[in-house]
Amino acid sequence: MVIEMSIVTRPFVLDFAGAYLDAMPAFSEEIWADWERKKQEQFEGRWPKVQAVLAALESLEIYMVDVSPSNIAFVD
């Protein structure tokens, strides 16, 4: 698989440097729970939309763990 990136405007998903291909990273349940809690705080009410984006990527076997409001943005 190849991902082509260019200059973009909202909405966007950027920064695949922290992405895993083909398999989800093997972190403990405790680490995943802490990660999700932090992401819910960062995205607040948009967290369900972020989860949908992550699920779409996972359907392509792309597991993005470097998730922040600076690399996943929506149209306001």
Protein backbone atom coordinates (compact mmCIF):
# COMPACT_ATOMS: atom_id res chain seq x y z
CA MET A 1 0.00 0.00 0.00
CA VAL A 2 1.11 3.54 -0.70
CA ILE A 3 -0.10 6.77 0.86
CA GLU A 4 0.37 9.96 -1.10
CA MET A 5 0.37 13.17 0.90
CA SER A 6 0.11 16.79 -0.15
CA ILE A 7 -0.90 20.20 1.19
CA VAL A 8 -4.46 19.91 2.43
CA THR A 9 -7.30 21.89 3.93
CA ARG A 10 -9.90 20.76 6.47
CA PRO A 11 -11.10 18.08 6.85
CA PHE A 12 -7.88 16.06 6.99
CA VAL A 13 -5.99 13.19 8.54
CA LEU A 14 -2.24 13.79 8.69
CA ASP A 15 0.96 12.40 10.15
CA PHE A 16 1.10 8.71 9.50
CA ALA A 17 4.59 8.47 11.02
CA GLY A 18 3.02 6.88 14.10
CA ALA A 19 0.88 4.46 12.09
CA TYR A 20 1.20 0.70 12.07
CA LEU A 21 0.39 -1.37 8.99
CA ASP A 22 -1.20 -4.82 8.94
CA ALA A 23 -1.39 -5.28 12.73
CA MET A 24 -2.38 -3.22 15.74
CA PRO A 25 0.50 -2.56 18.16
CA ALA A 26 0.62 -4.92 21.13
CA PHE A 27 0.05 -2.53 24.03
CA SER A 28 -1.51 -3.68 27.29
CA GLU A 29 -5.19 -3.05 28.01
CA GLU A 30 -4.12 -0.53 30.66
CA ILE A 31 -2.09 1.48 28.14
CA TRP A 32 -4.96 1.42 25.62
CA ALA A 33 -7.43 2.58 28.29
CA ASP A 34 -5.14 5.47 29.28
CA TRP A 35 -4.61 6.36 25.59
CA GLU A 36 -8.37 6.45 24.95
CA ARG A 37 -9.04 8.56 28.05
CA LYS A 38 -6.44 11.11 26.90
CA LYS A 39 -7.86 11.19 23.37
CA GLN A 40 -11.41 11.72 24.69
CA GLU A 41 -10.11 14.71 26.65
CA GLN A 42 -8.27 16.12 23.61
CA PHE A 43 -11.16 15.77 21.16
CA GLU A 44 -14.06 16.25 23.59
CA GLY A 45 -17.37 16.05 21.68
CA ARG A 46 -15.63 15.13 18.43
CA TRP A 47 -14.23 11.87 19.81
CA PRO A 48 -17.01 9.74 18.20
CA LYS A 49 -16.10 11.22 14.79
CA VAL A 50 -12.43 10.47 15.43
CA GLN A 51 -13.34 6.90 16.34
CA ALA A 52 -15.18 6.59 13.01
CA VAL A 53 -12.09 7.85 11.14
CA LEU A 54 -9.87 5.40 13.01
CA ALA A 55 -12.29 2.54 12.24
CA ALA A 56 -12.20 3.44 8.54
CA LEU A 57 -8.40 3.38 8.59
CA GLU A 58 -8.40 0.09 10.47
CA SER A 59 -10.62 -1.43 7.77
CA LEU A 60 -7.61 -0.78 5.48
CA GLU A 61 -5.28 -2.31 8.09
CA ILE A 62 -3.84 1.10 9.04
CA TYR A 63 -3.60 1.54 12.80
CA MET A 64 -2.96 5.17 13.72
CA VAL A 65 -1.84 5.75 17.30
CA ASP A 66 -0.42 9.27 16.98
CA VAL A 67 -3.85 10.87 17.12
CA SER A 68 -4.23 14.53 18.06
CA PRO A 69 -6.34 17.54 17.03
CA SER A 70 -3.38 18.75 14.95
CA ASN A 71 -3.43 15.68 12.71
CA ILE A 72 -7.15 14.89 12.56
CA ALA A 73 -9.27 17.97 11.85
CA PHE A 74 -12.86 18.46 10.81
CA VAL A 75 -14.73 21.25 9.06
CA ASP A 76 -16.24 23.52 11.70
